[in-house]
């Protein structure tokens, strides 16, 4: 299970992954407590798209800037 938190009004709020939106600053956690990191070691991501369902991957995904 993954946990998603989005920063709104300076506070981190838990949301569902499929609720991510373009422009959101967010964090991901695997197994509810292990932060997900990108290839640069960053733990904060910036969405460049709304979350959308990928039929080939059979899950919701979101585009991000690196």
N, C-alpha and C. Protein backbone atom coordinates (compact mmCIF):
# COMPACT_ATOMS: atom_id res chain seq x y z
N UNK A 1 0.84 -1.18 0.00
CA UNK A 1 0.00 0.00 0.00
C UNK A 1 0.89 1.24 0.00
N UNK A 2 0.47 2.27 -0.75
CA UNK A 2 1.25 3.49 -0.76
C UNK A 2 0.45 4.63 -0.16
N UNK A 3 1.15 5.51 0.49
CA UNK A 3 0.56 6.68 1.12
C UNK A 3 0.97 7.89 0.29
N UNK A 4 0.03 8.79 0.05
CA UNK A 4 0.29 10.01 -0.71
C UNK A 4 -0.08 11.19 0.15
N UNK A 5 0.84 12.17 0.23
CA UNK A 5 0.56 13.41 0.94
C UNK A 5 0.83 14.57 0.00
N UNK A 6 -0.09 15.52 -0.04
CA UNK A 6 0.04 16.71 -0.88
C UNK A 6 0.14 17.93 0.03
N UNK A 7 0.96 18.89 -0.39
CA UNK A 7 1.13 20.10 0.41
C UNK A 7 0.08 21.12 0.00
N UNK A 8 -0.77 21.49 0.95
CA UNK A 8 -1.82 22.48 0.73
C UNK A 8 -1.80 23.48 1.87
N UNK A 9 -1.70 24.75 1.53
CA UNK A 9 -1.66 25.81 2.55
C UNK A 9 -0.56 25.58 3.58
N UNK A 10 0.59 25.08 3.11
CA UNK A 10 1.74 24.88 3.99
C UNK A 10 1.70 23.64 4.85
N UNK A 11 0.66 22.82 4.71
CA UNK A 11 0.53 21.60 5.52
C UNK A 11 0.42 20.38 4.62
N UNK A 12 0.94 19.25 5.09
CA UNK A 12 0.86 18.00 4.34
C UNK A 12 -0.44 17.30 4.67
N UNK A 13 -1.21 16.99 3.61
CA UNK A 13 -2.53 16.37 3.76
C UNK A 13 -2.54 15.05 3.00
N UNK A 14 -3.07 14.03 3.63
CA UNK A 14 -3.17 12.71 3.01
C UNK A 14 -4.32 12.69 1.98
N UNK A 15 -4.02 12.19 0.77
CA UNK A 15 -5.04 12.06 -0.27
C UNK A 15 -4.87 10.71 -0.97
N UNK A 16 -5.82 10.38 -1.83
CA UNK A 16 -5.70 9.19 -2.67
C UNK A 16 -4.84 9.55 -3.88
N UNK A 17 -4.06 8.60 -4.37
CA UNK A 17 -3.18 8.85 -5.51
C UNK A 17 -3.96 9.41 -6.70
N UNK A 18 -5.13 8.86 -6.98
CA UNK A 18 -5.90 9.29 -8.15
C UNK A 18 -6.42 10.71 -8.02
N UNK A 19 -6.27 11.34 -6.84
CA UNK A 19 -6.68 12.72 -6.63
C UNK A 19 -5.56 13.72 -6.89
N UNK A 20 -4.36 13.24 -7.23
CA UNK A 20 -3.25 14.16 -7.53
C UNK A 20 -3.60 15.02 -8.73
N UNK A 21 -3.13 16.25 -8.71
CA UNK A 21 -3.48 17.20 -9.76
C UNK A 21 -2.25 17.96 -10.25
N UNK A 22 -2.35 18.49 -11.45
CA UNK A 22 -1.27 19.26 -12.06
C UNK A 22 -0.88 20.41 -11.13
N UNK A 23 0.41 20.54 -10.85
CA UNK A 23 0.90 21.60 -9.98
C UNK A 23 1.05 21.20 -8.53
N UNK A 24 0.58 20.02 -8.16
CA UNK A 24 0.66 19.56 -6.77
C UNK A 24 2.10 19.26 -6.37
N UNK A 25 2.45 19.64 -5.17
CA UNK A 25 3.71 19.25 -4.55
C UNK A 25 3.35 18.09 -3.62
N UNK A 26 3.98 16.93 -3.82
CA UNK A 26 3.54 15.76 -3.06
C UNK A 26 4.69 14.84 -2.68
N UNK A 27 4.40 13.99 -1.71
CA UNK A 27 5.32 12.96 -1.24
C UNK A 27 4.63 11.61 -1.38
N UNK A 28 5.42 10.59 -1.64
CA UNK A 28 4.92 9.21 -1.70
C UNK A 28 5.65 8.38 -0.66
N UNK A 29 4.92 7.45 -0.08
CA UNK A 29 5.50 6.51 0.87
C UNK A 29 5.08 5.11 0.48
N UNK A 30 6.03 4.18 0.51
CA UNK A 30 5.66 2.79 0.29
C UNK A 30 5.56 2.11 1.65
N UNK A 31 4.65 1.20 1.76
CA UNK A 31 4.37 0.50 3.02
C UNK A 31 4.05 1.47 4.14
N UNK A 32 3.47 2.63 3.77
CA UNK A 32 2.98 3.67 4.68
C UNK A 32 4.04 4.48 5.41
N UNK A 33 5.32 4.10 5.37
CA UNK A 33 6.29 4.87 6.13
C UNK A 33 7.66 5.03 5.46
N UNK A 34 7.92 4.35 4.36
CA UNK A 34 9.21 4.46 3.69
C UNK A 34 9.09 5.48 2.55
N UNK A 35 9.80 6.63 2.63
CA UNK A 35 9.67 7.64 1.58
C UNK A 35 10.20 7.14 0.24
N UNK A 36 9.47 7.44 -0.82
CA UNK A 36 9.91 7.12 -2.19
C UNK A 36 10.85 8.23 -2.63
N UNK A 37 11.97 7.86 -3.26
CA UNK A 37 12.96 8.83 -3.75
C UNK A 37 13.10 8.71 -5.25
N UNK A 38 13.39 9.84 -5.91
CA UNK A 38 13.67 9.79 -7.34
C UNK A 38 15.16 9.50 -7.54
N UNK A 39 15.62 9.53 -8.78
CA UNK A 39 17.01 9.18 -9.08
C UNK A 39 18.01 10.16 -8.47
N UNK A 40 17.54 11.35 -8.08
CA UNK A 40 18.41 12.36 -7.45
C UNK A 40 18.36 12.29 -5.92
N UNK A 41 17.52 11.40 -5.40
CA UNK A 41 17.37 11.26 -3.96
C UNK A 41 16.33 12.17 -3.34
N UNK A 42 15.61 12.91 -4.17
CA UNK A 42 14.57 13.81 -3.67
C UNK A 42 13.34 13.02 -3.23
N UNK A 43 12.66 13.52 -2.20
CA UNK A 43 11.45 12.86 -1.71
C UNK A 43 10.20 13.70 -1.95
N UNK A 44 10.36 14.91 -2.48
CA UNK A 44 9.23 15.77 -2.82
C UNK A 44 9.13 15.84 -4.33
N UNK A 45 7.93 15.60 -4.85
CA UNK A 45 7.68 15.57 -6.29
C UNK A 45 6.73 16.69 -6.68
N UNK A 46 6.78 17.09 -7.95
CA UNK A 46 5.90 18.13 -8.49
C UNK A 46 5.16 17.55 -9.68
N UNK A 47 3.84 17.45 -9.57
CA UNK A 47 3.02 16.87 -10.63
C UNK A 47 2.93 17.83 -11.81
N UNK A 48 3.13 17.30 -13.02
CA UNK A 48 2.99 18.09 -14.23
C UNK A 48 1.76 17.63 -15.03
N UNK A 49 0.95 16.80 -14.41
CA UNK A 49 -0.33 16.37 -15.00
C UNK A 49 -1.25 15.98 -13.86
N UNK A 50 -2.52 15.87 -14.17
CA UNK A 50 -3.45 15.26 -13.23
C UNK A 50 -3.19 13.75 -13.25
N UNK A 51 -3.52 13.06 -12.18
CA UNK A 51 -3.42 11.60 -12.18
C UNK A 51 -4.38 11.04 -13.23
N UNK A 52 -3.94 10.00 -13.92
CA UNK A 52 -4.78 9.38 -14.94
C UNK A 52 -4.55 7.88 -14.93
N UNK A 53 -5.56 7.15 -15.39
CA UNK A 53 -5.50 5.70 -15.38
C UNK A 53 -4.83 5.21 -16.66
N UNK A 54 -3.77 4.43 -16.51
CA UNK A 54 -3.07 3.84 -17.65
C UNK A 54 -3.57 2.40 -17.80
N UNK A 55 -4.27 2.16 -18.90
CA UNK A 55 -4.88 0.84 -19.11
C UNK A 55 -3.85 -0.26 -19.32
N UNK A 56 -2.71 0.06 -19.92
CA UNK A 56 -1.66 -0.95 -20.12
C UNK A 56 -1.03 -1.35 -18.78
N UNK A 57 -0.76 -0.35 -17.93
CA UNK A 57 -0.15 -0.62 -16.63
C UNK A 57 -1.18 -1.03 -15.58
N UNK A 58 -2.46 -0.77 -15.87
CA UNK A 58 -3.57 -1.10 -14.97
C UNK A 58 -3.43 -0.42 -13.60
N UNK A 59 -3.09 0.88 -13.65
CA UNK A 59 -2.99 1.67 -12.43
C UNK A 59 -2.99 3.16 -12.76
N UNK A 60 -3.20 3.95 -11.72
CA UNK A 60 -3.13 5.39 -11.89
C UNK A 60 -1.67 5.83 -11.88
N UNK A 61 -1.35 6.79 -12.74
CA UNK A 61 -0.01 7.37 -12.78
C UNK A 61 -0.14 8.89 -12.88
N UNK A 62 0.96 9.57 -12.69
CA UNK A 62 1.01 11.03 -12.81
C UNK A 62 2.38 11.39 -13.39
N UNK A 63 2.41 12.39 -14.24
CA UNK A 63 3.69 12.87 -14.76
C UNK A 63 4.30 13.82 -13.74
N UNK A 64 5.63 13.80 -13.63
CA UNK A 64 6.34 14.67 -12.69
C UNK A 64 7.55 15.28 -13.38
N UNK A 65 8.03 16.37 -12.78
CA UNK A 65 9.29 16.94 -13.25
C UNK A 65 10.40 16.35 -12.42
N UNK A 66 11.56 16.18 -13.01
CA UNK A 66 12.69 15.59 -12.28
C UNK A 66 13.56 16.67 -11.71
